[in-house]
C-alpha atoms as a PDB file:
ATOM      1  CA  MET A   1      14.436 -14.759 -28.431  1.00  0.00           C
ATOM      2  CA  SER A   2      11.320 -13.940 -30.466  1.00  0.00           C
ATOM      3  CA  THR A   3       8.736 -11.429 -29.300  1.00  0.00           C
ATOM      4  CA  PRO A   4       6.135 -13.132 -27.049  1.00  0.00           C
ATOM      5  CA  LEU A   5       2.796 -13.718 -28.716  1.00  0.00           C
ATOM      6  CA  SER A   6       1.080 -11.853 -25.876  1.00  0.00           C
ATOM      7  CA  THR A   7       3.031  -8.608 -26.322  1.00  0.00           C
ATOM      8  CA  ARG A   8       0.844  -5.621 -27.211  1.00  0.00           C
ATOM      9  CA  THR A   9       0.505  -1.961 -26.365  1.00  0.00           C
ATOM     10  CA  SER A  10      -2.033  -0.638 -23.889  1.00  0.00           C
ATOM     11  CA  ASP A  11      -5.402   0.484 -25.202  1.00  0.00           C
ATOM     12  CA  ALA A  12      -8.698   1.961 -24.073  1.00  0.00           C
ATOM     13  CA  LEU A  13     -10.279  -1.442 -23.496  1.00  0.00           C
ATOM     14  CA  ALA A  14      -7.475  -2.443 -21.125  1.00  0.00           C
ATOM     15  CA  GLN A  15      -7.710   0.832 -19.219  1.00  0.00           C
ATOM     16  CA  ASP A  16     -11.487   0.512 -18.927  1.00  0.00           C
ATOM     17  CA  PHE A  17     -11.086  -3.031 -17.649  1.00  0.00           C
ATOM     18  CA  VAL A  18      -8.547  -2.068 -14.976  1.00  0.00           C
ATOM     19  CA  ALA A  19     -10.833   0.754 -13.806  1.00  0.00           C
ATOM     20  CA  PHE A  20     -13.776  -1.663 -13.698  1.00  0.00           C
ATOM     21  CA  ALA A  21     -11.798  -4.276 -11.736  1.00  0.00           C
ATOM     22  CA  VAL A  22     -10.688  -1.660  -9.196  1.00  0.00           C
ATOM     23  CA  ASP A  23     -14.198  -0.213  -8.815  1.00  0.00           C
ATOM     24  CA  ALA A  24     -15.645  -3.734  -8.384  1.00  0.00           C
ATOM     25  CA  GLY A  25     -13.144  -4.532  -5.618  1.00  0.00           C
ATOM     26  CA  VAL A  26     -11.697  -7.383  -7.661  1.00  0.00           C
ATOM     27  CA  LEU A  27      -8.322  -5.676  -8.108  1.00  0.00           C
ATOM     28  CA  ARG A  28      -7.080  -4.660  -4.670  1.00  0.00           C
ATOM     29  CA  PHE A  29      -3.969  -3.073  -3.206  1.00  0.00           C
ATOM     30  CA  GLY A  30      -2.182  -3.916   0.043  1.00  0.00           C
ATOM     31  CA  GLU A  31      -0.067  -6.873   1.181  1.00  0.00           C
ATOM     32  CA  PHE A  32      -0.834 -10.221  -0.445  1.00  0.00           C
ATOM     33  CA  THR A  33       1.045 -13.518  -0.685  1.00  0.00           C
ATOM     34  CA  THR A  34       1.008 -15.005  -4.190  1.00  0.00           C
ATOM     35  CA  LYS A  35       0.987 -18.684  -5.108  1.00  0.00           C
ATOM     36  CA  ALA A  36       4.735 -18.368  -5.663  1.00  0.00           C
ATOM     37  CA  GLY A  37       5.169 -17.098  -2.085  1.00  0.00           C
ATOM     38  CA  ARG A  38       5.947 -13.522  -3.123  1.00  0.00           C
ATOM     39  CA  GLN A  39       4.681 -10.485  -1.234  1.00  0.00           C
ATOM     40  CA  SER A  40       2.620  -8.642  -3.826  1.00  0.00           C
ATOM     41  CA  PRO A  41       1.278  -5.077  -3.467  1.00  0.00           C
ATOM     42  CA  TYR A  42      -1.804  -5.984  -5.503  1.00  0.00           C
ATOM     43  CA  PHE A  43      -4.147  -8.930  -5.912  1.00  0.00           C
ATOM     44  CA  PHE A  44      -6.654  -9.865  -8.620  1.00  0.00           C
ATOM     45  CA  ASN A  45      -9.454 -12.155  -7.425  1.00  0.00           C
ATOM     46  CA  ALA A  46     -11.853 -13.024 -10.261  1.00  0.00           C
ATOM     47  CA  GLY A  47     -14.046 -14.864  -7.765  1.00  0.00           C
ATOM     48  CA  LEU A  48     -15.274 -11.424  -6.658  1.00  0.00           C
ATOM     49  CA  PHE A  49     -17.065 -10.881  -9.956  1.00  0.00           C
ATOM     50  CA  ASP A  50     -19.861 -12.285  -7.873  1.00  0.00           C
ATOM     51  CA  ASP A  51     -23.129 -10.844  -9.139  1.00  0.00           C
ATOM     52  CA  GLY A  52     -24.942 -10.714 -12.445  1.00  0.00           C
ATOM     53  CA  ALA A  53     -24.013  -7.155 -13.332  1.00  0.00           C
ATOM     54  CA  LYS A  54     -20.290  -7.608 -12.689  1.00  0.00           C
ATOM     55  CA  LEU A  55     -20.152 -10.987 -14.423  1.00  0.00           C
ATOM     56  CA  GLY A  56     -22.001  -9.618 -17.439  1.00  0.00           C
ATOM     57  CA  ARG A  57     -19.607  -6.675 -17.708  1.00  0.00           C
ATOM     58  CA  LEU A  58     -16.623  -9.008 -17.366  1.00  0.00           C
ATOM     59  CA  ALA A  59     -17.965 -11.183 -20.183  1.00  0.00           C
ATOM     60  CA  GLU A  60     -18.296  -8.076 -22.338  1.00  0.00           C
ATOM     61  CA  PHE A  61     -14.578  -7.331 -21.891  1.00  0.00           C
ATOM     62  CA  TYR A  62     -13.612 -10.905 -22.798  1.00  0.00           C
ATOM     63  CA  ALA A  63     -15.854 -10.907 -25.868  1.00  0.00           C
ATOM     64  CA  ARG A  64     -14.629  -7.538 -27.120  1.00  0.00           C
ATOM     65  CA  ARG A  65     -10.987  -8.552 -26.713  1.00  0.00           C
ATOM     66  CA  LEU A  66     -11.564 -11.881 -28.471  1.00  0.00           C
ATOM     67  CA  ILE A  67     -13.320 -10.241 -31.393  1.00  0.00           C
ATOM     68  CA  ALA A  68     -10.523  -7.676 -31.708  1.00  0.00           C
ATOM     69  CA  SER A  69      -7.873 -10.421 -31.595  1.00  0.00           C
ATOM     70  CA  ASN A  70      -9.195 -12.106 -34.767  1.00  0.00           C
ATOM     71  CA  LEU A  71      -8.374 -15.455 -33.153  1.00  0.00           C
ATOM     72  CA  ALA A  72     -10.285 -18.212 -34.979  1.00  0.00           C
ATOM     73  CA  PHE A  73     -12.133 -20.653 -32.714  1.00  0.00           C
ATOM     74  CA  ASP A  74     -15.136 -22.953 -32.998  1.00  0.00           C
ATOM     75  CA  MET A  75     -16.088 -23.328 -29.342  1.00  0.00           C
ATOM     76  CA  ILE A  76     -15.176 -22.357 -25.765  1.00  0.00           C
ATOM     77  CA  PHE A  77     -13.856 -24.507 -22.931  1.00  0.00           C
ATOM     78  CA  GLY A  78     -13.815 -23.496 -19.256  1.00  0.00           C
ATOM     79  CA  PRO A  79     -11.469 -25.403 -16.913  1.00  0.00           C
ATOM     80  CA  ALA A  80     -12.975 -26.182 -13.497  1.00  0.00           C
ATOM     81  CA  TYR A  81     -13.713 -24.211 -11.429  1.00  0.00           C
ATOM     82  CA  LYS A  82     -13.505 -20.485 -12.257  1.00  0.00           C
ATOM     83  CA  GLY A  83     -13.351 -21.207 -15.969  1.00  0.00           C
ATOM     84  CA  ILE A  84     -16.821 -22.787 -15.882  1.00  0.00           C
ATOM     85  CA  THR A  85     -18.650 -19.544 -15.064  1.00  0.00           C
ATOM     86  CA  LEU A  86     -16.399 -17.541 -17.365  1.00  0.00           C
ATOM     87  CA  ALA A  87     -16.974 -19.821 -20.352  1.00  0.00           C
ATOM     88  CA  ALA A  88     -20.754 -19.726 -19.890  1.00  0.00           C
ATOM     89  CA  ALA A  89     -20.856 -15.954 -19.473  1.00  0.00           C
ATOM     90  CA  VAL A  90     -18.602 -15.293 -22.469  1.00  0.00           C
ATOM     91  CA  ALA A  91     -20.636 -17.663 -24.645  1.00  0.00           C
ATOM     92  CA  VAL A  92     -23.775 -15.693 -23.743  1.00  0.00           C
ATOM     93  CA  GLU A  93     -22.091 -12.373 -24.543  1.00  0.00           C
ATOM     94  CA  LEU A  94     -20.664 -13.607 -27.848  1.00  0.00           C
ATOM     95  CA  ALA A  95     -24.134 -14.817 -28.847  1.00  0.00           C
ATOM     96  CA  ARG A  96     -25.543 -11.389 -27.974  1.00  0.00           C
ATOM     97  CA  LEU A  97     -22.939  -9.888 -30.316  1.00  0.00           C
ATOM     98  CA  GLY A  98     -23.927 -12.258 -33.125  1.00  0.00           C
ATOM     99  CA  ARG A  99     -21.286 -14.968 -32.627  1.00  0.00           C
ATOM    100  CA  ASN A 100     -23.061 -18.020 -31.221  1.00  0.00           C
ATOM    101  CA  VAL A 101     -20.591 -20.765 -30.290  1.00  0.00           C
ATOM    102  CA  PRO A 102     -20.946 -23.916 -28.147  1.00  0.00           C
ATOM    103  CA  TYR A 103     -19.171 -24.254 -24.827  1.00  0.00           C
ATOM    104  CA  ALA A 104     -18.086 -27.049 -22.491  1.00  0.00           C
ATOM    105  CA  TYR A 105     -16.290 -27.506 -19.214  1.00  0.00           C
ATOM    106  CA  ASN A 106     -14.767 -30.279 -17.140  1.00  0.00           C
ATOM    107  CA  ARG A 107     -15.360 -31.723 -13.700  1.00  0.00           C
ATOM    108  CA  LYS A 108     -12.536 -32.168 -11.226  1.00  0.00           C
ATOM    109  CA  GLU A 109     -13.645 -35.762 -10.703  1.00  0.00           C
ATOM    110  CA  ALA A 110     -15.350 -38.090 -13.159  1.00  0.00           C
ATOM    111  CA  LYS A 111     -19.081 -38.582 -12.604  1.00  0.00           C
ATOM    112  CA  ALA A 112     -20.011 -42.263 -12.210  1.00  0.00           C
ATOM    113  CA  HIS A 113     -23.774 -41.903 -12.772  1.00  0.00           C
ATOM    114  CA  GLY A 114     -26.049 -40.169 -15.269  1.00  0.00           C
ATOM    115  CA  GLU A 115     -24.118 -39.127 -18.347  1.00  0.00           C
ATOM    116  CA  GLY A 116     -20.860 -39.871 -16.510  1.00  0.00           C
ATOM    117  CA  GLY A 117     -17.384 -38.754 -17.521  1.00  0.00           C
ATOM    118  CA  MET A 118     -15.318 -35.624 -16.974  1.00  0.00           C
ATOM    119  CA  LEU A 119     -16.883 -33.340 -19.597  1.00  0.00           C
ATOM    120  CA  VAL A 120     -20.112 -31.357 -19.526  1.00  0.00           C
ATOM    121  CA  GLY A 121     -21.733 -29.347 -22.304  1.00  0.00           C
ATOM    122  CA  ALA A 122     -21.155 -29.435 -26.030  1.00  0.00           C
ATOM    123  CA  PRO A 123     -18.878 -32.135 -27.498  1.00  0.00           C
ATOM    124  CA  LEU A 124     -15.292 -30.960 -27.902  1.00  0.00           C
ATOM    125  CA  ARG A 125     -14.817 -30.444 -31.635  1.00  0.00           C
ATOM    126  CA  GLY A 126     -12.743 -28.316 -33.948  1.00  0.00           C
ATOM    127  CA  ARG A 127     -10.702 -25.387 -32.632  1.00  0.00           C
ATOM    128  CA  VAL A 128     -11.268 -24.956 -28.900  1.00  0.00           C
ATOM    129  CA  LEU A 129     -10.563 -21.728 -27.014  1.00  0.00           C
ATOM    130  CA  VAL A 130      -9.742 -22.089 -23.311  1.00  0.00           C
ATOM    131  CA  ILE A 131     -11.075 -19.308 -21.059  1.00  0.00           C
ATOM    132  CA  ASP A 132      -9.817 -18.707 -17.521  1.00  0.00           C
ATOM    133  CA  ASP A 133      -9.043 -15.821 -15.166  1.00  0.00           C
ATOM    134  CA  VAL A 134      -5.226 -15.805 -14.989  1.00  0.00           C
ATOM    135  CA  ILE A 135      -2.169 -17.924 -15.735  1.00  0.00           C
ATOM    136  CA  THR A 136       0.240 -18.614 -12.874  1.00  0.00           C
ATOM    137  CA  ASP A 137       2.413 -21.672 -13.491  1.00  0.00           C
ATOM    138  CA  GLY A 138       0.289 -22.816 -16.441  1.00  0.00           C
ATOM    139  CA  ALA A 139      -0.412 -26.294 -15.059  1.00  0.00           C
ATOM    140  CA  SER A 140      -4.202 -26.098 -15.398  1.00  0.00           C
ATOM    141  CA  LYS A 141      -3.920 -24.803 -18.983  1.00  0.00           C
ATOM    142  CA  ARG A 142      -1.664 -27.711 -19.930  1.00  0.00           C
ATOM    143  CA  GLU A 143      -4.180 -30.108 -18.395  1.00  0.00           C
ATOM    144  CA  ALA A 144      -6.978 -28.437 -20.362  1.00  0.00           C
ATOM    145  CA  ALA A 145      -5.012 -28.729 -23.617  1.00  0.00           C
ATOM    146  CA  GLU A 146      -4.370 -32.426 -22.970  1.00  0.00           C
ATOM    147  CA  LEU A 147      -8.032 -33.049 -22.200  1.00  0.00           C
ATOM    148  CA  ILE A 148      -9.130 -31.266 -25.377  1.00  0.00           C
ATOM    149  CA  ARG A 149      -6.707 -33.226 -27.544  1.00  0.00           C
ATOM    150  CA  ALA A 150      -7.732 -36.492 -25.897  1.00  0.00           C
ATOM    151  CA  ALA A 151     -11.309 -35.751 -26.967  1.00  0.00           C
ATOM    152  CA  GLY A 152     -10.195 -35.387 -30.595  1.00  0.00           C
ATOM    153  CA  ALA A 153     -10.319 -31.582 -30.758  1.00  0.00           C
ATOM    154  CA  GLU A 154      -7.531 -29.015 -31.003  1.00  0.00           C
ATOM    155  CA  PRO A 155      -6.787 -26.221 -28.496  1.00  0.00           C
ATOM    156  CA  CYS A 156      -6.298 -23.018 -30.481  1.00  0.00           C
ATOM    157  CA  GLY A 157      -5.723 -20.363 -27.825  1.00  0.00           C
ATOM    158  CA  ILE A 158      -6.255 -19.185 -24.274  1.00  0.00           C
ATOM    159  CA  ALA A 159      -8.085 -16.083 -23.065  1.00  0.00           C
ATOM    160  CA  ILE A 160      -7.406 -14.613 -19.613  1.00  0.00           C
ATOM    161  CA  ALA A 161      -8.383 -11.437 -17.818  1.00  0.00           C
ATOM    162  CA  LEU A 162      -5.046 -10.266 -16.395  1.00  0.00           C
ATOM    163  CA  ASP A 163      -1.430 -11.054 -17.242  1.00  0.00           C
ATOM    164  CA  ARG A 164       0.721 -10.269 -14.185  1.00  0.00           C
ATOM    165  CA  GLN A 165       3.820 -10.217 -16.457  1.00  0.00           C
ATOM    166  CA  GLU A 166       6.045 -11.701 -13.766  1.00  0.00           C
ATOM    167  CA  ARG A 167       8.368 -14.666 -13.748  1.00  0.00           C
ATOM    168  CA  ALA A 168       6.509 -17.890 -13.139  1.00  0.00           C
ATOM    169  CA  SER A 169       9.460 -19.274 -11.190  1.00  0.00           C
ATOM    170  CA  ASP A 170      12.527 -18.171  -9.269  1.00  0.00           C
ATOM    171  CA  ALA A 171      13.986 -21.617  -9.810  1.00  0.00           C
ATOM    172  CA  ALA A 172      17.064 -20.754 -11.890  1.00  0.00           C
ATOM    173  CA  GLY A 173      19.819 -23.173 -11.028  1.00  0.00           C
ATOM    174  CA  GLU A 174      17.503 -25.922  -9.821  1.00  0.00           C
ATOM    175  CA  PRO A 175      17.778 -29.329 -11.553  1.00  0.00           C
ATOM    176  CA  GLY A 176      15.930 -29.381 -14.870  1.00  0.00           C
ATOM    177  CA  VAL A 177      15.302 -25.619 -14.941  1.00  0.00           C
ATOM    178  CA  GLN A 178      17.082 -23.671 -17.664  1.00  0.00           C
ATOM    179  CA  ALA A 179      18.074 -20.058 -16.950  1.00  0.00           C
ATOM    180  CA  GLU A 180      15.973 -18.800 -19.873  1.00  0.00           C
ATOM    181  CA  GLU A 181      12.942 -20.767 -18.687  1.00  0.00           C
ATOM    182  CA  SER A 182      13.165 -19.174 -15.242  1.00  0.00           C
ATOM    183  CA  ARG A 183      12.866 -15.738 -16.842  1.00  0.00           C
ATOM    184  CA  LEU A 184       9.582 -16.526 -18.582  1.00  0.00           C
ATOM    185  CA  SER A 185       6.216 -15.438 -17.247  1.00  0.00           C
ATOM    186  CA  GLY A 186       3.412 -17.937 -16.870  1.00  0.00           C
ATOM    187  CA  VAL A 187       1.885 -16.613 -20.087  1.00  0.00           C
ATOM    188  CA  GLN A 188       5.148 -16.815 -22.033  1.00  0.00           C
ATOM    189  CA  SER A 189       5.839 -20.307 -20.698  1.00  0.00           C
ATOM    190  CA  VAL A 190       2.418 -21.545 -21.810  1.00  0.00           C
ATOM    191  CA  GLU A 191       2.776 -19.901 -25.225  1.00  0.00           C
ATOM    192  CA  ARG A 192       6.146 -21.546 -25.723  1.00  0.00           C
ATOM    193  CA  ALA A 193       5.249 -24.982 -24.341  1.00  0.00           C
ATOM    194  CA  LEU A 194       1.832 -25.328 -25.973  1.00  0.00           C
ATOM    195  CA  GLY A 195       2.290 -23.146 -29.057  1.00  0.00           C
ATOM    196  CA  LEU A 196      -0.956 -21.321 -28.277  1.00  0.00           C
ATOM    197  CA  LYS A 197      -1.725 -17.635 -28.481  1.00  0.00           C
ATOM    198  CA  VAL A 198      -2.739 -16.118 -25.135  1.00  0.00           C
ATOM    199  CA  VAL A 199      -5.254 -13.282 -25.427  1.00  0.00           C
ATOM    200  CA  THR A 200      -5.324 -10.976 -22.401  1.00  0.00           C
ATOM    201  CA  ILE A 201      -7.782  -8.237 -21.537  1.00  0.00           C
ATOM    202  CA  ALA A 202      -5.144  -6.310 -19.565  1.00  0.00           C
ATOM    203  CA  THR A 203      -1.608  -6.656 -18.225  1.00  0.00           C
ATOM    204  CA  LEU A 204       0.484  -5.370 -15.335  1.00  0.00           C
ATOM    205  CA  ALA A 205       1.768  -2.677 -17.708  1.00  0.00           C
ATOM    206  CA  ASP A 206      -1.835  -1.540 -18.190  1.00  0.00           C
ATOM    207  CA  LEU A 207      -2.307  -1.436 -14.424  1.00  0.00           C
ATOM    208  CA  LEU A 208       0.816   0.701 -14.045  1.00  0.00           C
ATOM    209  CA  GLN A 209      -0.445   3.075 -16.727  1.00  0.00           C
ATOM    210  CA  TYR A 210      -3.791   3.315 -14.936  1.00  0.00           C
ATOM    211  CA  LEU A 211      -2.150   4.104 -11.579  1.00  0.00           C
ATOM    212  CA  ALA A 212       0.140   6.692 -13.194  1.00  0.00           C
ATOM    213  CA  ALA A 213      -2.955   8.509 -14.484  1.00  0.00           C
ATOM    214  CA  GLN A 214      -4.429   8.786 -10.969  1.00  0.00           C
ATOM    215  CA  ALA A 215      -2.384  11.854  -9.978  1.00  0.00           C
ATOM    216  CA  ASP A 216      -5.264  13.442  -8.068  1.00  0.00           C
ATOM    217  CA  ASN A 217      -6.515  10.143  -6.663  1.00  0.00           C
ATOM    218  CA  GLU A 218      -5.524   8.193  -3.551  1.00  0.00           C
ATOM    219  CA  LEU A 219      -4.795   5.209  -5.807  1.00  0.00           C
ATOM    220  CA  SER A 220      -1.630   6.933  -7.060  1.00  0.00           C
ATOM    221  CA  ARG A 221       0.116   6.140  -3.753  1.00  0.00           C
ATOM    222  CA  HIS A 222       0.234   2.473  -4.772  1.00  0.00           C
ATOM    223  CA  LEU A 223       2.224   3.170  -7.952  1.00  0.00           C
ATOM    224  CA  PRO A 224       5.773   3.113  -6.458  1.00  0.00           C
ATOM    225  CA  ARG A 225       5.225  -0.258  -4.772  1.00  0.00           C
ATOM    226  CA  VAL A 226       3.698  -1.848  -7.865  1.00  0.00           C
ATOM    227  CA  GLU A 227       6.549  -0.466  -9.971  1.00  0.00           C
ATOM    228  CA  ALA A 228       9.107  -1.867  -7.524  1.00  0.00           C
ATOM    229  CA  TYR A 229       7.400  -5.245  -7.611  1.00  0.00           C
ATOM    230  CA  ARG A 230       7.626  -5.358 -11.399  1.00  0.00           C
ATOM    231  CA  VAL A 231      11.300  -4.364 -11.317  1.00  0.00           C
ATOM    232  CA  ARG A 232      11.985  -7.265  -8.955  1.00  0.00           C
ATOM    233  CA  TYR A 233       9.801  -9.971 -10.485  1.00  0.00           C
ATOM    234  CA  GLY A 234       8.764  -8.752 -13.918  1.00  0.00           C
ATOM    235  CA  VAL A 235       9.630 -10.100 -17.346  1.00  0.00           C
END
């Protein structure tokens, strides 16, 4: 099996982002039930980037990671709902850094009056980068890619804040699910199915590195449980 497109080593930007997410209360520790029904010792809720300062800082992390990735794109697309705010904020930050690109987003339901349709913002053209918070099962990213292609443009990549690096499914043995597929993370599954590079600001490995560095901090007590979670569900 080839090395996943998303594989990379930790770096200062990732560590700064994890620290920021923890300080902002967006990355929390405790007992949380994931979409897959797992009991997770941590939870990342991008909806809590809920004021101008936090959203602006978040956009800075996205923009810096995208610039460092050298991924070529002509515009940004934000899937409804969280992706809408993210796409707008990142477009503003990229423009501030000298890279002015158009952006668009979709509605959940088609509008029957005014301009109508499912799409809002700039026309979908050229190479379109999808921006969202995380990838779980990848369904919304597949829908976004289909919508972009239907408009005559081409999805070229996906940018997310955090890659949990865990299996998207525990469905090995179920009809239609190959054993290898069940071992893929949501990010790896999307990369394989759509052939798109996924750019991540930080990963679970970065979070583990951050917690391991908190020897004199109360946060260090969460490290064993997060490590155990990755051993059980990680890829």
